Amino acid sequence: MTVRLNQRLVIQKGLNDEEVALILELHKQRQAVVNRMKRSKRPSTLKNLAAEVTALDYRLQAAWKFELDAKFHRFWELPGCLCAKLDNIDDYPYRQHFRQDCPIHGW
């Protein structure tokens, strides 16, 4: 997997080489978890892996020096998620739409 970072944002945030390397590593770790999600069909496994993705999303926000805020996590893009994609895209980041029957986000 090739990760390309927004170089203007790297400069704007004043990130050094070590911080950039951390961001690249976190992206690789996140993609590895997403790949595991693609191979899983068990709701309990999907929920656990989704929690790992969420933790990595927070770590990425911190590494990029952004405020830690779940409303900027694009949860509906996760494999196995049944939540309304178009509604979430339209209302991003102000409102989140979850489906009760989603194996990851349902209740």
PDB file of N, CA and C in Angstrom:
ATOM      1  N   MET A   1       0.838  -1.184   0.000  1.00  0.00           N
ATOM      2  CA  MET A   1       0.000   0.000   0.000  1.00  0.00           C
ATOM      3  C   MET A   1       0.882   1.246   0.000  1.00  0.00           C
ATOM      4  N   THR A   2       0.559   2.157  -0.877  1.00  0.00           N
ATOM      5  CA  THR A   2       1.292   3.414  -0.942  1.00  0.00           C
ATOM      6  C   THR A   2       0.441   4.506  -0.298  1.00  0.00           C
ATOM      7  N   VAL A   3       1.040   5.209   0.627  1.00  0.00           N
ATOM      8  CA  VAL A   3       0.354   6.310   1.305  1.00  0.00           C
ATOM      9  C   VAL A   3       0.987   7.601   0.842  1.00  0.00           C
ATOM     10  N   ARG A   4       0.157   8.518   0.395  1.00  0.00           N
ATOM     11  CA  ARG A   4       0.646   9.844  -0.005  1.00  0.00           C
ATOM     12  C   ARG A   4      -0.003  10.872   0.905  1.00  0.00           C
ATOM     13  N   LEU A   5       0.820  11.695   1.498  1.00  0.00           N
ATOM     14  CA  LEU A   5       0.324  12.714   2.413  1.00  0.00           C
ATOM     15  C   LEU A   5       0.203  14.054   1.711  1.00  0.00           C
ATOM     16  N   ASN A   6      -0.696  14.861   2.209  1.00  0.00           N
ATOM     17  CA  ASN A   6      -0.885  16.221   1.722  1.00  0.00           C
ATOM     18  C   ASN A   6       0.317  17.050   2.184  1.00  0.00           C
ATOM     19  N   GLN A   7       1.230  17.342   1.264  1.00  0.00           N
ATOM     20  CA  GLN A   7       2.465  18.035   1.630  1.00  0.00           C
ATOM     21  C   GLN A   7       2.218  19.459   2.117  1.00  0.00           C
ATOM     22  N   ARG A   8       1.209  20.104   1.577  1.00  0.00           N
ATOM     23  CA  ARG A   8       0.908  21.464   2.063  1.00  0.00           C
ATOM     24  C   ARG A   8       0.445  21.422   3.513  1.00  0.00           C
ATOM     25  N   LEU A   9      -0.306  20.381   3.874  1.00  0.00           N
ATOM     26  CA  LEU A   9      -0.748  20.240   5.254  1.00  0.00           C
ATOM     27  C   LEU A   9       0.425  19.890   6.160  1.00  0.00           C
ATOM     28  N   VAL A  10       1.330  19.065   5.680  1.00  0.00           N
ATOM     29  CA  VAL A  10       2.538  18.735   6.452  1.00  0.00           C
ATOM     30  C   VAL A  10       3.299  20.018   6.787  1.00  0.00           C
ATOM     31  N   ILE A  11       3.466  20.882   5.793  1.00  0.00           N
ATOM     32  CA  ILE A  11       4.177  22.146   6.005  1.00  0.00           C
ATOM     33  C   ILE A  11       3.379  23.071   6.919  1.00  0.00           C
ATOM     34  N   GLN A  12       2.070  23.172   6.659  1.00  0.00           N
ATOM     35  CA  GLN A  12       1.207  24.044   7.469  1.00  0.00           C
ATOM     36  C   GLN A  12       1.228  23.648   8.939  1.00  0.00           C
ATOM     37  N   LYS A  13       1.234  22.345   9.209  1.00  0.00           N
ATOM     38  CA  LYS A  13       1.233  21.854  10.590  1.00  0.00           C
ATOM     39  C   LYS A  13       2.640  21.832  11.194  1.00  0.00           C
ATOM     40  N   GLY A  14       3.660  22.104  10.377  1.00  0.00           N
ATOM     41  CA  GLY A  14       5.027  22.126  10.874  1.00  0.00           C
ATOM     42  C   GLY A  14       5.524  20.765  11.321  1.00  0.00           C
ATOM     43  N   LEU A  15       5.134  19.720  10.618  1.00  0.00           N
ATOM     44  CA  LEU A  15       5.506  18.361  11.008  1.00  0.00           C
ATOM     45  C   LEU A  15       6.955  18.062  10.616  1.00  0.00           C
ATOM     46  N   ASN A  16       7.666  17.410  11.528  1.00  0.00           N
ATOM     47  CA  ASN A  16       9.034  17.009  11.233  1.00  0.00           C
ATOM     48  C   ASN A  16       9.040  15.593  10.641  1.00  0.00           C
ATOM     49  N   ASP A  17      10.222  15.103  10.270  1.00  0.00           N
ATOM     50  CA  ASP A  17      10.340  13.798   9.624  1.00  0.00           C
ATOM     51  C   ASP A  17       9.814  12.664  10.503  1.00  0.00           C
ATOM     52  N   GLU A  18      10.065  12.735  11.801  1.00  0.00           N
ATOM     53  CA  GLU A  18       9.589  11.691  12.719  1.00  0.00           C
ATOM     54  C   GLU A  18       8.064  11.690  12.802  1.00  0.00           C
ATOM     55  N   GLU A  19       7.468  12.863  12.828  1.00  0.00           N
ATOM     56  CA  GLU A  19       6.003  12.954  12.880  1.00  0.00           C
ATOM     57  C   GLU A  19       5.383  12.439  11.581  1.00  0.00           C
ATOM     58  N   VAL A  20       5.990  12.754  10.465  1.00  0.00           N
ATOM     59  CA  VAL A  20       5.513  12.260   9.170  1.00  0.00           C
ATOM     60  C   VAL A  20       5.632  10.741   9.125  1.00  0.00           C
ATOM     61  N   ALA A  21       6.740  10.198   9.610  1.00  0.00           N
ATOM     62  CA  ALA A  21       6.929   8.747   9.631  1.00  0.00           C
ATOM     63  C   ALA A  21       5.867   8.070  10.497  1.00  0.00           C
ATOM     64  N   LEU A  22       5.531   8.693  11.627  1.00  0.00           N
ATOM     65  CA  LEU A  22       4.476   8.145  12.490  1.00  0.00           C
ATOM     66  C   LEU A  22       3.141   8.128  11.753  1.00  0.00           C
ATOM     67  N   ILE A  23       2.804   9.207  11.080  1.00  0.00           N
ATOM     68  CA  ILE A  23       1.550   9.278  10.337  1.00  0.00           C
ATOM     69  C   ILE A  23       1.501   8.194   9.260  1.00  0.00           C
ATOM     70  N   LEU A  24       2.585   8.018   8.547  1.00  0.00           N
ATOM     71  CA  LEU A  24       2.641   6.969   7.522  1.00  0.00           C
ATOM     72  C   LEU A  24       2.442   5.584   8.138  1.00  0.00           C
ATOM     73  N   GLU A  25       3.080   5.341   9.266  1.00  0.00           N
ATOM     74  CA  GLU A  25       2.936   4.053   9.943  1.00  0.00           C
ATOM     75  C   GLU A  25       1.504   3.840  10.429  1.00  0.00           C
ATOM     76  N   LEU A  26       0.890   4.880  10.985  1.00  0.00           N
ATOM     77  CA  LEU A  26      -0.495   4.756  11.451  1.00  0.00           C
ATOM     78  C   LEU A  26      -1.447   4.464  10.292  1.00  0.00           C
ATOM     79  N   HIS A  27      -1.212   5.088   9.150  1.00  0.00           N
ATOM     80  CA  HIS A  27      -2.043   4.802   7.973  1.00  0.00           C
ATOM     81  C   HIS A  27      -1.890   3.343   7.554  1.00  0.00           C
ATOM     82  N   LYS A  28      -0.680   2.817   7.586  1.00  0.00           N
ATOM     83  CA  LYS A  28      -0.448   1.417   7.228  1.00  0.00           C
ATOM     84  C   LYS A  28      -1.151   0.480   8.213  1.00  0.00           C
ATOM     85  N   GLN A  29      -1.065   0.801   9.499  1.00  0.00           N
ATOM     86  CA  GLN A  29      -1.733  -0.012  10.518  1.00  0.00           C
ATOM     87  C   GLN A  29      -3.244   0.022  10.319  1.00  0.00           C
ATOM     88  N   ARG A  30      -3.779   1.207  10.029  1.00  0.00           N
ATOM     89  CA  ARG A  30      -5.220   1.343   9.826  1.00  0.00           C
ATOM     90  C   ARG A  30      -5.662   0.517   8.627  1.00  0.00           C
ATOM     91  N   GLN A  31      -4.909   0.578   7.535  1.00  0.00           N
ATOM     92  CA  GLN A  31      -5.269  -0.180   6.342  1.00  0.00           C
ATOM     93  C   GLN A  31      -5.211  -1.677   6.606  1.00  0.00           C
ATOM     94  N   ALA A  32      -4.260  -2.114   7.411  1.00  0.00           N
ATOM     95  CA  ALA A  32      -4.165  -3.537   7.756  1.00  0.00           C
ATOM     96  C   ALA A  32      -5.411  -3.996   8.512  1.00  0.00           C
ATOM     97  N   VAL A  33      -5.910  -3.165   9.415  1.00  0.00           N
ATOM     98  CA  VAL A  33      -7.128  -3.511  10.157  1.00  0.00           C
ATOM     99  C   VAL A  33      -8.327  -3.525   9.203  1.00  0.00           C
ATOM    100  N   VAL A  34      -8.416  -2.543   8.334  1.00  0.00           N
ATOM    101  CA  VAL A  34      -9.512  -2.501   7.350  1.00  0.00           C
ATOM    102  C   VAL A  34      -9.468  -3.751   6.467  1.00  0.00           C
ATOM    103  N   ASN A  35      -8.281  -4.182   6.071  1.00  0.00           N
ATOM    104  CA  ASN A  35      -8.160  -5.400   5.268  1.00  0.00           C
ATOM    105  C   ASN A  35      -8.654  -6.619   6.033  1.00  0.00           C
ATOM    106  N   ARG A  36      -8.376  -6.672   7.329  1.00  0.00           N
ATOM    107  CA  ARG A  36      -8.900  -7.767   8.154  1.00  0.00           C
ATOM    108  C   ARG A  36     -10.418  -7.706   8.209  1.00  0.00           C
ATOM    109  N   MET A  37     -10.975  -6.509   8.259  1.00  0.00           N
ATOM    110  CA  MET A  37     -12.434  -6.362   8.276  1.00  0.00           C
ATOM    111  C   MET A  37     -13.039  -6.900   6.983  1.00  0.00           C
ATOM    112  N   LYS A  38     -12.372  -6.687   5.868  1.00  0.00           N
ATOM    113  CA  LYS A  38     -12.882  -7.154   4.569  1.00  0.00           C
ATOM    114  C   LYS A  38     -13.004  -8.669   4.528  1.00  0.00           C
ATOM    115  N   ARG A  39     -12.166  -9.357   5.297  1.00  0.00           N
ATOM    116  CA  ARG A  39     -12.168 -10.818   5.291  1.00  0.00           C
ATOM    117  C   ARG A  39     -13.097 -11.407   6.341  1.00  0.00           C
ATOM    118  N   SER A  40     -13.660 -10.583   7.201  1.00  0.00           N
ATOM    119  CA  SER A  40     -14.483 -11.082   8.300  1.00  0.00           C
ATOM    120  C   SER A  40     -15.964 -10.863   8.021  1.00  0.00           C
ATOM    121  N   LYS A  41     -16.764 -11.798   8.471  1.00  0.00           N
ATOM    122  CA  LYS A  41     -18.224 -11.677   8.360  1.00  0.00           C
ATOM    123  C   LYS A  41     -18.902 -11.711   9.732  1.00  0.00           C
ATOM    124  N   ARG A  42     -18.126 -11.991  10.777  1.00  0.00           N
ATOM    125  CA  ARG A  42     -18.699 -12.103  12.117  1.00  0.00           C
ATOM    126  C   ARG A  42     -18.903 -10.719  12.724  1.00  0.00           C
ATOM    127  N   PRO A  43     -20.135 -10.382  13.121  1.00  0.00           N
ATOM    128  CA  PRO A  43     -20.392  -9.061  13.717  1.00  0.00           C
ATOM    129  C   PRO A  43     -19.497  -8.739  14.912  1.00  0.00           C
ATOM    130  N   SER A  44     -19.226  -9.711  15.772  1.00  0.00           N
ATOM    131  CA  SER A  44     -18.392  -9.434  16.944  1.00  0.00           C
ATOM    132  C   SER A  44     -16.966  -9.075  16.516  1.00  0.00           C
ATOM    133  N   THR A  45     -16.460  -9.758  15.505  1.00  0.00           N
ATOM    134  CA  THR A  45     -15.123  -9.452  14.997  1.00  0.00           C
ATOM    135  C   THR A  45     -15.113  -8.082  14.336  1.00  0.00           C
ATOM    136  N   LEU A  46     -16.150  -7.792  13.537  1.00  0.00           N
ATOM    137  CA  LEU A  46     -16.236  -6.491  12.879  1.00  0.00           C
ATOM    138  C   LEU A  46     -16.283  -5.358  13.902  1.00  0.00           C
ATOM    139  N   LYS A  47     -17.054  -5.529  14.962  1.00  0.00           N
ATOM    140  CA  LYS A  47     -17.143  -4.498  16.008  1.00  0.00           C
ATOM    141  C   LYS A  47     -15.780  -4.268  16.657  1.00  0.00           C
ATOM    142  N   ASN A  48     -15.072  -5.358  16.956  1.00  0.00           N
ATOM    143  CA  ASN A  48     -13.752  -5.230  17.591  1.00  0.00           C
ATOM    144  C   ASN A  48     -12.757  -4.551  16.665  1.00  0.00           C
ATOM    145  N   LEU A  49     -12.771  -4.944  15.401  1.00  0.00           N
ATOM    146  CA  LEU A  49     -11.854  -4.316  14.443  1.00  0.00           C
ATOM    147  C   LEU A  49     -12.216  -2.856  14.203  1.00  0.00           C
ATOM    148  N   ALA A  50     -13.518  -2.549  14.178  1.00  0.00           N
ATOM    149  CA  ALA A  50     -13.949  -1.153  14.025  1.00  0.00           C
ATOM    150  C   ALA A  50     -13.461  -0.311  15.202  1.00  0.00           C
ATOM    151  N   ALA A  51     -13.444  -0.886  16.393  1.00  0.00           N
ATOM    152  CA  ALA A  51     -12.920  -0.166  17.562  1.00  0.00           C
ATOM    153  C   ALA A  51     -11.431   0.119  17.387  1.00  0.00           C
ATOM    154  N   GLU A  52     -10.696  -0.829  16.784  1.00  0.00           N
ATOM    155  CA  GLU A  52      -9.280  -0.597  16.499  1.00  0.00           C
ATOM    156  C   GLU A  52      -9.106   0.538  15.500  1.00  0.00           C
ATOM    157  N   VAL A  53      -9.953   0.562  14.470  1.00  0.00           N
ATOM    158  CA  VAL A  53      -9.892   1.645  13.482  1.00  0.00           C
ATOM    159  C   VAL A  53     -10.166   2.984  14.156  1.00  0.00           C
ATOM    160  N   THR A  54     -11.157   3.026  15.030  1.00  0.00           N
ATOM    161  CA  THR A  54     -11.481   4.267  15.740  1.00  0.00           C
ATOM    162  C   THR A  54     -10.285   4.741  16.559  1.00  0.00           C
ATOM    163  N   ALA A  55      -9.635   3.827  17.258  1.00  0.00           N
ATOM    164  CA  ALA A  55      -8.455   4.195  18.055  1.00  0.00           C
ATOM    165  C   ALA A  55      -7.348   4.735  17.147  1.00  0.00           C
ATOM    166  N   LEU A  56      -7.159   4.109  15.986  1.00  0.00           N
ATOM    167  CA  LEU A  56      -6.151   4.597  15.045  1.00  0.00           C
ATOM    168  C   LEU A  56      -6.543   5.944  14.449  1.00  0.00           C
ATOM    169  N   ASP A  57      -7.837   6.160  14.208  1.00  0.00           N
ATOM    170  CA  ASP A  57      -8.289   7.463  13.711  1.00  0.00           C
ATOM    171  C   ASP A  57      -7.983   8.572  14.717  1.00  0.00           C
ATOM    172  N   TYR A  58      -8.175   8.282  16.003  1.00  0.00           N
ATOM    173  CA  TYR A  58      -7.822   9.275  17.027  1.00  0.00           C
ATOM    174  C   TYR A  58      -6.311   9.517  17.058  1.00  0.00           C
ATOM    175  N   ARG A  59      -5.542   8.448  16.929  1.00  0.00           N
ATOM    176  CA  ARG A  59      -4.085   8.607  16.920  1.00  0.00           C
ATOM    177  C   ARG A  59      -3.639   9.412  15.705  1.00  0.00           C
ATOM    178  N   LEU A  60      -4.297   9.198  14.562  1.00  0.00           N
ATOM    179  CA  LEU A  60      -3.971   9.985  13.373  1.00  0.00           C
ATOM    180  C   LEU A  60      -4.319  11.456  13.571  1.00  0.00           C
ATOM    181  N   GLN A  61      -5.473  11.735  14.176  1.00  0.00           N
ATOM    182  CA  GLN A  61      -5.830  13.129  14.446  1.00  0.00           C
ATOM    183  C   GLN A  61      -4.772  13.783  15.336  1.00  0.00           C
ATOM    184  N   ALA A  62      -4.345  13.071  16.355  1.00  0.00           N
ATOM    185  CA  ALA A  62      -3.330  13.617  17.261  1.00  0.00           C
ATOM    186  C   ALA A  62      -2.002  13.817  16.528  1.00  0.00           C
ATOM    187  N   ALA A  63      -1.616  12.841  15.707  1.00  0.00           N
ATOM    188  CA  ALA A  63      -0.349  12.943  14.987  1.00  0.00           C
ATOM    189  C   ALA A  63      -0.355  14.114  14.004  1.00  0.00           C
ATOM    190  N   TRP A  64      -1.525  14.383  13.430  1.00  0.00           N
ATOM    191  CA  TRP A  64      -1.657  15.523  12.510  1.00  0.00           C
ATOM    192  C   TRP A  64      -1.863  16.844  13.257  1.00  0.00           C
ATOM    193  N   LYS A  65      -1.943  16.772  14.581  1.00  0.00           N
ATOM    194  CA  LYS A  65      -2.152  17.954  15.432  1.00  0.00           C
ATOM    195  C   LYS A  65      -3.529  18.579  15.212  1.00  0.00           C
ATOM    196  N   PHE A  66      -4.505  17.716  14.984  1.00  0.00           N
ATOM    197  CA  PHE A  66      -5.891  18.146  14.912  1.00  0.00           C
ATOM    198  C   PHE A  66      -6.559  17.902  16.256  1.00  0.00           C
ATOM    199  N   GLU A  67      -7.672  18.574  16.481  1.00  0.00           N
ATOM    200  CA  GLU A  67      -8.493  18.300  17.657  1.00  0.00           C
ATOM    201  C   GLU A  67      -9.026  16.877  17.537  1.00  0.00           C
ATOM    202  N   LEU A  68      -9.047  16.164  18.655  1.00  0.00           N
ATOM    203  CA  LEU A  68      -9.599  14.804  18.643  1.00  0.00           C
ATOM    204  C   LEU A  68     -11.119  14.913  18.620  1.00  0.00           C
ATOM    205  N   ASP A  69     -11.729  14.469  17.529  1.00  0.00           N
ATOM    206  CA  ASP A  69     -13.161  14.651  17.353  1.00  0.00           C
ATOM    207  C   ASP A  69     -13.724  13.539  16.468  1.00  0.00           C
ATOM    208  N   ALA A  70     -14.582  12.704  17.040  1.00  0.00           N
ATOM    209  CA  ALA A  70     -15.156  11.561  16.323  1.00  0.00           C
ATOM    210  C   ALA A  70     -16.029  11.982  15.153  1.00  0.00           C
ATOM    211  N   LYS A  71     -16.544  13.203  15.154  1.00  0.00           N
ATOM    212  CA  LYS A  71     -17.426  13.581  14.050  1.00  0.00           C
ATOM    213  C   LYS A  71     -16.676  13.661  12.711  1.00  0.00           C
ATOM    214  N   PHE A  72     -15.346  13.624  12.748  1.00  0.00           N
ATOM    215  CA  PHE A  72     -14.567  13.635  11.519  1.00  0.00           C
ATOM    216  C   PHE A  72     -14.120  12.232  11.099  1.00  0.00           C
ATOM    217  N   HIS A  73     -14.551  11.206  11.827  1.00  0.00           N
ATOM    218  CA  HIS A  73     -14.248   9.824  11.448  1.00  0.00           C
ATOM    219  C   HIS A  73     -15.291   9.376  10.435  1.00  0.00           C
ATOM    220  N   ARG A  74     -14.854   8.841   9.336  1.00  0.00           N
ATOM    221  CA  ARG A  74     -15.765   8.417   8.258  1.00  0.00           C
ATOM    222  C   ARG A  74     -16.115   6.938   8.444  1.00  0.00           C
ATOM    223  N   PHE A  75     -16.835   6.655   9.518  1.00  0.00           N
ATOM    224  CA  PHE A  75     -17.152   5.296   9.945  1.00  0.00           C
ATOM    225  C   PHE A  75     -17.940   4.498   8.906  1.00  0.00           C
ATOM    226  N   TRP A  76     -18.761   5.164   8.112  1.00  0.00           N
ATOM    227  CA  TRP A  76     -19.617   4.474   7.142  1.00  0.00           C
ATOM    228  C   TRP A  76     -18.823   3.857   5.993  1.00  0.00           C
ATOM    229  N   GLU A  77     -17.548   4.185   5.891  1.00  0.00           N
ATOM    230  CA  GLU A  77     -16.702   3.622   4.839  1.00  0.00           C
ATOM    231  C   GLU A  77     -16.089   2.281   5.241  1.00  0.00           C
ATOM    232  N   LEU A  78     -16.294   1.853   6.480  1.00  0.00           N
ATOM    233  CA  LEU A  78     -15.703   0.598   6.947  1.00  0.00           C
ATOM    234  C   LEU A  78     -16.387  -0.596   6.296  1.00  0.00           C
ATOM    235  N   PRO A  79     -15.607  -1.629   5.955  1.00  0.00           N
ATOM    236  CA  PRO A  79     -16.200  -2.840   5.392  1.00  0.00           C
ATOM    237  C   PRO A  79     -17.219  -3.455   6.354  1.00  0.00           C
ATOM    238  N   GLY A  80     -18.364  -3.822   5.838  1.00  0.00           N
ATOM    239  CA  GLY A  80     -19.406  -4.428   6.656  1.00  0.00           C
ATOM    240  C   GLY A  80     -20.391  -3.442   7.236  1.00  0.00           C
ATOM    241  N   CYS A  81     -20.098  -2.149   7.150  1.00  0.00           N
ATOM    242  CA  CYS A  81     -20.996  -1.130   7.687  1.00  0.00           C
ATOM    243  C   CYS A  81     -22.205  -0.977   6.767  1.00  0.00           C
ATOM    244  N   LEU A  82     -23.398  -0.989   7.367  1.00  0.00           N
ATOM    245  CA  LEU A  82     -24.646  -0.823   6.608  1.00  0.00           C
ATOM    246  C   LEU A  82     -25.268   0.556   6.809  1.00  0.00           C
ATOM    247  N   CYS A  83     -24.583   1.430   7.515  1.00  0.00           N
ATOM    248  CA  CYS A  83     -25.125   2.767   7.779  1.00  0.00           C
ATOM    249  C   CYS A  83     -25.240   3.553   6.467  1.00  0.00           C
ATOM    250  N   ALA A  84     -26.162   4.484   6.440  1.00  0.00           N
ATOM    251  CA  ALA A  84     -26.500   5.230   5.224  1.00  0.00           C
ATOM    252  C   ALA A  84     -25.309   6.033   4.713  1.00  0.00           C
ATOM    253  N   LYS A  85     -24.754   5.599   3.620  1.00  0.00           N
ATOM    254  CA  LYS A  85     -23.556   6.234   3.070  1.00  0.00           C
ATOM    255  C   LYS A  85     -23.850   7.647   2.556  1.00  0.00           C
ATOM    256  N   LEU A  86     -24.861   7.778   1.704  1.00  0.00           N
ATOM    257  CA  LEU A  86     -25.147   9.097   1.115  1.00  0.00           C
ATOM    258  C   LEU A  86     -25.594  10.108   2.168  1.00  0.00           C
ATOM    259  N   ASP A  87     -26.422   9.675   3.114  1.00  0.00           N
ATOM    260  CA  ASP A  87     -26.847  10.583   4.184  1.00  0.00           C
ATOM    261  C   ASP A  87     -25.647  11.051   5.002  1.00  0.00           C
ATOM    262  N   ASN A  88     -24.719  10.133   5.303  1.00  0.00           N
ATOM    263  CA  ASN A  88     -23.538  10.514   6.078  1.00  0.00           C
ATOM    264  C   ASN A  88     -22.624  11.434   5.283  1.00  0.00           C
ATOM    265  N   ILE A  89     -22.483  11.179   3.985  1.00  0.00           N
ATOM    266  CA  ILE A  89     -21.667  12.065   3.153  1.00  0.00           C
ATOM    267  C   ILE A  89     -22.295  13.456   3.098  1.00  0.00           C
ATOM    268  N   ASP A  90     -23.609  13.508   2.887  1.00  0.00           N
ATOM    269  CA  ASP A  90     -24.304  14.797   2.778  1.00  0.00           C
ATOM    270  C   ASP A  90     -24.204  15.623   4.056  1.00  0.00           C
ATOM    271  N   ASP A  91     -24.283  14.971   5.208  1.00  0.00           N
ATOM    272  CA  ASP A  91     -24.309  15.688   6.483  1.00  0.00           C
ATOM    273  C   ASP A  91     -22.951  15.745   7.191  1.00  0.00           C
ATOM    274  N   TYR A  92     -21.914  15.212   6.570  1.00  0.00           N
ATOM    275  CA  TYR A  92     -20.576  15.190   7.169  1.00  0.00           C
ATOM    276  C   TYR A  92     -20.039  16.600   7.311  1.00  0.00           C
ATOM    277  N   PRO A  93     -19.479  16.975   8.422  1.00  0.00           N
ATOM    278  CA  PRO A  93     -19.293  16.261   9.680  1.00  0.00           C
ATOM    279  C   PRO A  93     -20.318  16.632  10.747  1.00  0.00           C
ATOM    280  N   TYR A  94     -21.395  17.265  10.354  1.00  0.00           N
ATOM    281  CA  TYR A  94     -22.317  17.848  11.335  1.00  0.00           C
ATOM    282  C   TYR A  94     -23.297  16.868  11.953  1.00  0.00           C
ATOM    283  N   ARG A  95     -23.653  15.822  11.227  1.00  0.00           N
ATOM    284  CA  ARG A  95     -24.641  14.874  11.725  1.00  0.00           C
ATOM    285  C   ARG A  95     -24.248  13.481  11.258  1.00  0.00           C
ATOM    286  N   GLN A  96     -24.447  12.496  12.125  1.00  0.00           N
ATOM    287  CA  GLN A  96     -24.117  11.114  11.786  1.00  0.00           C
ATOM    288  C   GLN A  96     -25.387  10.277  11.745  1.00  0.00           C
ATOM    289  N   HIS A  97     -25.455   9.382  10.778  1.00  0.00           N
ATOM    290  CA  HIS A  97     -26.617   8.511  10.608  1.00  0.00           C
ATOM    291  C   HIS A  97     -26.179   7.065  10.815  1.00  0.00           C
ATOM    292  N   PHE A  98     -26.826   6.385  11.743  1.00  0.00           N
ATOM    293  CA  PHE A  98     -26.538   4.984  12.031  1.00  0.00           C
ATOM    294  C   PHE A  98     -27.778   4.151  11.752  1.00  0.00           C
ATOM    295  N   ARG A  99     -27.549   2.899  11.368  1.00  0.00           N
ATOM    296  CA  ARG A  99     -28.661   1.975  11.174  1.00  0.00           C
ATOM    297  C   ARG A  99     -28.675   0.983  12.316  1.00  0.00           C
ATOM    298  N   GLN A 100     -29.861   0.728  12.804  1.00  0.00           N
ATOM    299  CA  GLN A 100     -30.043  -0.199  13.914  1.00  0.00           C
ATOM    300  C   GLN A 100     -29.549  -1.597  13.563  1.00  0.00           C
ATOM    301  N   ASP A 101     -29.659  -2.000  12.310  1.00  0.00           N
ATOM    302  CA  ASP A 101     -29.272  -3.345  11.909  1.00  0.00           C
ATOM    303  C   ASP A 101     -27.829  -3.449  11.403  1.00  0.00           C
ATOM    304  N   CYS A 102     -27.060  -2.386  11.517  1.00  0.00           N
ATOM    305  CA  CYS A 102     -25.652  -2.417  11.088  1.00  0.00           C
ATOM    306  C   CYS A 102     -24.883  -3.378  12.017  1.00  0.00           C
ATOM    307  N   PRO A 103     -24.134  -4.334  11.440  1.00  0.00           N
ATOM    308  CA  PRO A 103     -23.399  -5.272  12.296  1.00  0.00           C
ATOM    309  C   PRO A 103     -22.282  -4.607  13.102  1.00  0.00           C
ATOM    310  N   ILE A 104     -21.878  -3.411  12.703  1.00  0.00           N
ATOM    311  CA  ILE A 104     -20.815  -2.708  13.425  1.00  0.00           C
ATOM    312  C   ILE A 104     -21.393  -1.671  14.376  1.00  0.00           C
ATOM    313  N   HIS A 105     -22.316  -0.854  13.899  1.00  0.00           N
ATOM    314  CA  HIS A 105     -22.802   0.279  14.680  1.00  0.00           C
ATOM    315  C   HIS A 105     -24.210   0.102  15.224  1.00  0.00           C
ATOM    316  N   GLY A 106     -24.844  -1.011  14.896  1.00  0.00           N
ATOM    317  CA  GLY A 106     -26.222  -1.253  15.343  1.00  0.00           C
ATOM    318  C   GLY A 106     -26.302  -1.567  16.826  1.00  0.00           C
ATOM    319  N   TRP A 107     -27.514  -1.582  17.309  1.00  0.00           N
ATOM    320  CA  TRP A 107     -27.713  -1.861  18.735  1.00  0.00           C
ATOM    321  C   TRP A 107     -28.771  -2.919  18.939  1.00  0.00           C
TER     322      TRP A 107
END
